[in-house]
N, C-alpha and C. Protein backbone atom coordinates (compact mmCIF):
# COMPACT_ATOMS: atom_id res chain seq x y z
N MET A 1 -6.20 -8.34 15.21
CA MET A 1 -5.17 -8.53 14.10
C MET A 1 -3.59 -8.03 14.41
N THR A 2 -2.71 -8.84 13.93
CA THR A 2 -1.37 -8.19 13.89
C THR A 2 -1.09 -7.11 13.15
N LYS A 3 -0.02 -6.78 13.65
CA LYS A 3 0.22 -5.53 12.77
C LYS A 3 0.29 -5.55 11.10
N ASN A 4 1.07 -6.77 10.69
CA ASN A 4 0.92 -7.01 9.53
C ASN A 4 -0.31 -7.08 8.83
N GLU A 5 -1.36 -7.85 9.58
CA GLU A 5 -2.87 -7.96 9.13
C GLU A 5 -3.59 -6.53 8.83
N TYR A 6 -2.93 -5.69 9.84
CA TYR A 6 -3.87 -4.42 9.75
C TYR A 6 -3.14 -3.73 8.65
N ILE A 7 -2.00 -3.64 8.18
CA ILE A 7 -1.59 -3.10 6.99
C ILE A 7 -2.11 -3.86 5.67
N VAL A 8 -2.16 -5.00 5.71
CA VAL A 8 -2.69 -5.84 4.67
C VAL A 8 -4.36 -5.21 4.56
N HIS A 9 -4.87 -5.00 5.61
CA HIS A 9 -6.48 -4.48 5.44
C HIS A 9 -6.67 -3.26 5.03
N PHE A 10 -5.63 -2.11 5.08
CA PHE A 10 -5.38 -1.05 5.06
C PHE A 10 -5.13 -0.56 3.24
N SER A 11 -4.32 -1.75 3.38
CA SER A 11 -3.89 -1.57 2.06
C SER A 11 -5.01 -2.32 1.03
N ILE A 12 -5.66 -3.28 1.26
CA ILE A 12 -6.74 -3.57 0.31
C ILE A 12 -7.85 -2.36 0.19
N TRP A 13 -8.12 -1.86 1.27
CA TRP A 13 -9.03 -0.90 1.22
C TRP A 13 -8.98 0.21 0.39
N ALA A 14 -7.49 0.71 0.45
CA ALA A 14 -6.82 1.55 -0.55
C ALA A 14 -6.98 1.14 -2.00
N ILE A 15 -6.55 -0.08 -2.24
CA ILE A 15 -6.69 -0.42 -3.42
C ILE A 15 -8.04 -0.85 -4.20
N SER A 16 -8.88 -0.83 -3.31
CA SER A 16 -10.23 -1.11 -3.62
C SER A 16 -11.18 0.27 -3.84
N LYS A 17 -10.49 1.50 -3.39
CA LYS A 17 -11.08 2.71 -3.67
C LYS A 17 -11.84 2.89 -2.51
N ALA A 18 -12.04 2.00 -1.53
CA ALA A 18 -13.00 2.15 -0.56
C ALA A 18 -12.63 3.42 0.53
N PRO A 19 -13.64 3.94 1.00
CA PRO A 19 -13.71 5.37 1.77
C PRO A 19 -12.61 4.70 3.01
N LEU A 20 -11.68 5.77 3.18
CA LEU A 20 -10.53 5.56 4.18
C LEU A 20 -11.03 6.08 5.56
N LEU A 21 -11.58 5.40 6.49
CA LEU A 21 -12.26 6.02 7.51
C LEU A 21 -11.32 5.23 8.83
N ILE A 22 -11.52 6.18 9.82
CA ILE A 22 -10.63 5.78 11.43
C ILE A 22 -11.77 5.25 12.08
N SER A 23 -11.66 3.90 12.35
CA SER A 23 -12.81 3.38 13.10
C SER A 23 -12.38 3.25 14.59
N CYS A 24 -11.47 4.13 15.05
CA CYS A 24 -11.00 3.53 16.68
C CYS A 24 -10.94 5.02 17.12
N ASP A 25 -10.71 4.75 18.47
CA ASP A 25 -10.81 6.05 19.71
C ASP A 25 -9.62 6.93 18.99
N VAL A 26 -9.95 7.89 18.52
CA VAL A 26 -8.59 8.45 17.92
C VAL A 26 -7.81 9.49 19.05
N ARG A 27 -8.25 9.31 20.36
CA ARG A 27 -7.78 9.84 21.56
C ARG A 27 -6.75 9.06 22.14
N ASN A 28 -7.01 7.50 21.67
CA ASN A 28 -6.29 6.40 22.20
C ASN A 28 -5.07 5.67 21.41
N ILE A 29 -5.24 6.41 19.93
CA ILE A 29 -4.66 5.48 18.79
C ILE A 29 -3.00 5.47 19.08
N THR A 30 -2.52 4.03 18.52
CA THR A 30 -1.25 4.02 18.98
C THR A 30 -0.11 4.65 17.68
N LYS A 31 1.20 4.61 18.14
CA LYS A 31 2.10 5.03 17.13
C LYS A 31 1.83 4.10 15.79
N ASN A 32 1.90 2.68 16.04
CA ASN A 32 1.60 1.41 15.01
C ASN A 32 0.48 2.00 13.93
N THR A 33 -0.60 2.35 14.70
CA THR A 33 -1.77 2.21 13.99
C THR A 33 -1.82 3.64 13.12
N MET A 34 -1.20 4.64 14.00
CA MET A 34 -1.04 6.00 13.19
C MET A 34 -0.17 5.90 12.16
N LYS A 35 0.99 5.10 12.17
CA LYS A 35 1.94 4.86 10.96
C LYS A 35 1.21 4.47 9.91
N ILE A 36 0.03 3.23 10.07
CA ILE A 36 -0.30 2.58 9.14
C ILE A 36 -1.38 3.44 8.53
N LEU A 37 -2.04 4.50 8.81
CA LEU A 37 -3.29 5.12 8.74
C LEU A 37 -2.35 6.47 7.82
N ALA A 38 -1.45 6.81 8.17
CA ALA A 38 -0.84 7.87 7.45
C ALA A 38 0.20 7.88 6.33
N ASN A 39 0.26 6.51 5.98
CA ASN A 39 1.14 6.07 5.14
C ASN A 39 0.71 6.83 3.52
N LYS A 40 1.37 7.78 3.27
CA LYS A 40 0.88 8.59 2.16
C LYS A 40 1.02 7.77 0.70
N GLU A 41 2.07 6.92 0.65
CA GLU A 41 1.97 6.23 -0.59
C GLU A 41 0.73 5.49 -0.73
N VAL A 42 0.18 4.87 0.22
CA VAL A 42 -1.04 4.46 0.43
C VAL A 42 -2.23 4.92 0.28
N ILE A 43 -2.24 6.22 1.09
CA ILE A 43 -3.44 6.78 0.69
C ILE A 43 -3.36 7.35 -0.99
N VAL A 44 -2.46 7.89 -1.46
CA VAL A 44 -2.10 8.20 -2.93
C VAL A 44 -3.17 7.12 -3.77
N VAL A 45 -2.80 5.68 -3.51
CA VAL A 45 -3.25 4.84 -4.61
C VAL A 45 -4.71 5.07 -4.29
N ASN A 46 -5.52 5.08 -3.04
CA ASN A 46 -6.95 5.49 -2.74
C ASN A 46 -7.50 6.28 -3.30
N GLN A 47 -6.74 7.72 -3.43
CA GLN A 47 -7.24 9.11 -3.93
C GLN A 47 -6.62 9.56 -5.03
N ASP A 48 -6.03 8.69 -5.81
CA ASP A 48 -5.68 9.22 -7.37
C ASP A 48 -6.79 9.77 -8.25
N LYS A 49 -6.28 10.66 -9.26
CA LYS A 49 -7.34 11.53 -9.78
C LYS A 49 -8.25 10.44 -10.84
N VAL A 50 -7.83 9.38 -11.28
CA VAL A 50 -8.46 8.65 -12.16
C VAL A 50 -9.53 7.74 -11.58
N GLY A 51 -9.43 7.59 -10.29
CA GLY A 51 -10.46 6.33 -9.51
C GLY A 51 -10.66 5.27 -9.91
N VAL A 52 -9.64 4.53 -10.45
CA VAL A 52 -9.83 3.34 -11.03
C VAL A 52 -8.91 2.40 -9.72
N GLN A 53 -9.90 1.28 -9.43
CA GLN A 53 -9.11 0.22 -8.79
C GLN A 53 -7.90 -0.33 -9.11
N ALA A 54 -7.17 -0.31 -8.29
CA ALA A 54 -5.80 -1.26 -8.54
C ALA A 54 -6.10 -2.53 -9.18
N LYS A 55 -4.81 -3.30 -9.50
CA LYS A 55 -5.11 -4.73 -10.22
C LYS A 55 -3.70 -5.17 -10.04
N LYS A 56 -3.58 -6.21 -9.79
CA LYS A 56 -2.50 -7.35 -9.67
C LYS A 56 -1.88 -7.07 -11.29
N VAL A 57 -0.80 -7.08 -11.29
CA VAL A 57 0.09 -7.05 -12.66
C VAL A 57 0.96 -8.08 -12.73
N ARG A 58 1.84 -8.21 -11.59
CA ARG A 58 2.99 -8.96 -11.11
C ARG A 58 2.95 -9.70 -10.14
N MET A 59 3.45 -10.76 -9.78
CA MET A 59 3.65 -11.59 -8.22
C MET A 59 4.95 -11.46 -7.53
N GLU A 60 5.72 -10.46 -8.25
CA GLU A 60 7.08 -10.06 -7.59
C GLU A 60 7.18 -8.88 -7.44
N GLY A 61 8.38 -8.59 -6.62
CA GLY A 61 8.55 -7.17 -6.13
C GLY A 61 9.58 -6.67 -5.02
N ASP A 62 10.06 -5.64 -4.86
CA ASP A 62 11.50 -5.42 -4.03
C ASP A 62 11.47 -4.07 -3.67
N TRP A 63 10.29 -3.38 -3.64
CA TRP A 63 10.47 -1.73 -3.15
C TRP A 63 9.96 -1.66 -1.77
N GLU A 64 10.69 -1.10 -0.95
CA GLU A 64 9.66 -0.15 0.28
C GLU A 64 10.09 1.29 0.61
N HIS A 65 8.95 2.10 0.04
CA HIS A 65 8.61 3.47 0.49
C HIS A 65 9.98 4.15 -0.62
N LYS A 66 10.36 3.52 -1.58
CA LYS A 66 11.49 3.91 -2.50
C LYS A 66 10.74 4.63 -3.71
N THR A 67 11.23 5.46 -4.42
CA THR A 67 11.05 6.00 -5.57
C THR A 67 12.08 5.49 -6.52
N LEU A 68 12.11 4.43 -7.57
CA LEU A 68 13.20 4.28 -8.60
C LEU A 68 13.65 5.49 -9.12
N LYS A 69 15.15 5.94 -9.55
CA LYS A 69 15.30 7.21 -10.21
C LYS A 69 15.69 7.30 -11.47
N THR A 70 15.79 5.50 -11.73
CA THR A 70 15.74 5.17 -13.23
C THR A 70 14.91 4.48 -13.72
N ARG A 71 14.54 4.13 -14.85
CA ARG A 71 13.53 3.26 -15.40
C ARG A 71 13.81 1.82 -14.92
N PHE A 72 12.68 1.22 -14.65
CA PHE A 72 12.62 -0.06 -14.18
C PHE A 72 12.77 -1.16 -15.51
N VAL A 73 13.32 -2.04 -15.43
CA VAL A 73 13.60 -2.71 -16.70
C VAL A 73 14.00 -4.29 -16.10
N GLY A 74 13.36 -5.37 -16.08
CA GLY A 74 13.48 -6.67 -15.49
C GLY A 74 12.63 -7.28 -14.69
N ASN A 75 13.16 -7.90 -13.61
CA ASN A 75 12.31 -8.54 -12.79
C ASN A 75 12.07 -8.05 -11.27
N LEU A 76 11.16 -8.13 -10.38
CA LEU A 76 10.85 -7.69 -9.37
C LEU A 76 11.02 -8.80 -8.59
N THR A 77 11.24 -8.99 -7.34
CA THR A 77 11.53 -10.08 -6.34
C THR A 77 11.36 -9.60 -4.98
N ALA A 78 10.64 -10.10 -4.21
CA ALA A 78 10.14 -9.78 -2.74
C ALA A 78 9.89 -10.87 -1.83
N THR A 79 10.51 -11.17 -0.96
CA THR A 79 9.92 -12.10 0.20
C THR A 79 8.43 -11.25 1.02
N VAL A 80 7.65 -12.32 1.34
CA VAL A 80 6.49 -11.38 2.10
C VAL A 80 6.26 -12.67 2.95
N ASP A 81 6.10 -12.29 4.31
CA ASP A 81 5.73 -13.02 5.03
C ASP A 81 4.31 -13.45 5.31
N SER A 82 4.21 -14.63 5.95
CA SER A 82 2.42 -14.90 6.11
C SER A 82 1.69 -13.72 6.74
N HIS A 83 0.54 -13.69 6.35
CA HIS A 83 -0.29 -12.75 6.41
C HIS A 83 0.24 -11.28 6.33
N SER A 84 0.95 -10.88 5.32
CA SER A 84 1.76 -9.34 5.30
C SER A 84 1.23 -9.24 3.42
N CYS A 85 1.64 -8.13 3.29
CA CYS A 85 1.73 -7.56 1.62
C CYS A 85 2.64 -6.72 1.33
N LYS A 86 3.01 -6.54 0.16
CA LYS A 86 3.86 -5.51 -0.37
C LYS A 86 3.06 -4.64 -1.55
N MET A 87 3.31 -3.74 -1.49
CA MET A 87 2.17 -2.81 -2.40
C MET A 87 3.31 -2.07 -3.14
N TYR A 88 3.07 -2.26 -4.78
CA TYR A 88 3.69 -1.14 -5.75
C TYR A 88 3.04 -0.39 -6.70
N ILE A 89 3.64 0.94 -6.73
CA ILE A 89 2.60 1.73 -7.55
C ILE A 89 3.95 1.92 -8.89
N LEU A 90 2.93 1.08 -10.36
CA LEU A 90 3.70 1.27 -11.31
C LEU A 90 3.54 2.07 -12.24
N LYS A 91 3.89 2.82 -13.03
CA LYS A 91 3.66 3.50 -13.91
C LYS A 91 4.24 3.66 -15.45
N PRO A 92 3.29 3.56 -16.73
CA PRO A 92 3.80 3.42 -17.61
C PRO A 92 4.78 4.30 -18.13
N VAL A 93 5.90 3.74 -18.85
CA VAL A 93 7.06 4.51 -19.41
C VAL A 93 6.28 5.37 -20.78
N SER A 94 6.65 6.56 -21.13
CA SER A 94 6.26 6.98 -22.32
C SER A 94 7.22 6.92 -23.22
């Protein structure tokens, strides 16, 4: 698989609440693989307190390892390459 396909694979496991297991020889793990497996935002999605699988709520988006400082109102827009993905964590406004 390509790097992007590994990112998609790990993201799908996280949103499915599947156990996040490392199935490679950790003595020879590459920096790219470790960067994917150590993505804290994706791990948080997998290990949230509620334990409910994620679901698609929109088809658009534009964040990358960023937290918005103000409330988001409006549309999200993103360009996603073939065999790639983007993941967003949305929280309801009280």
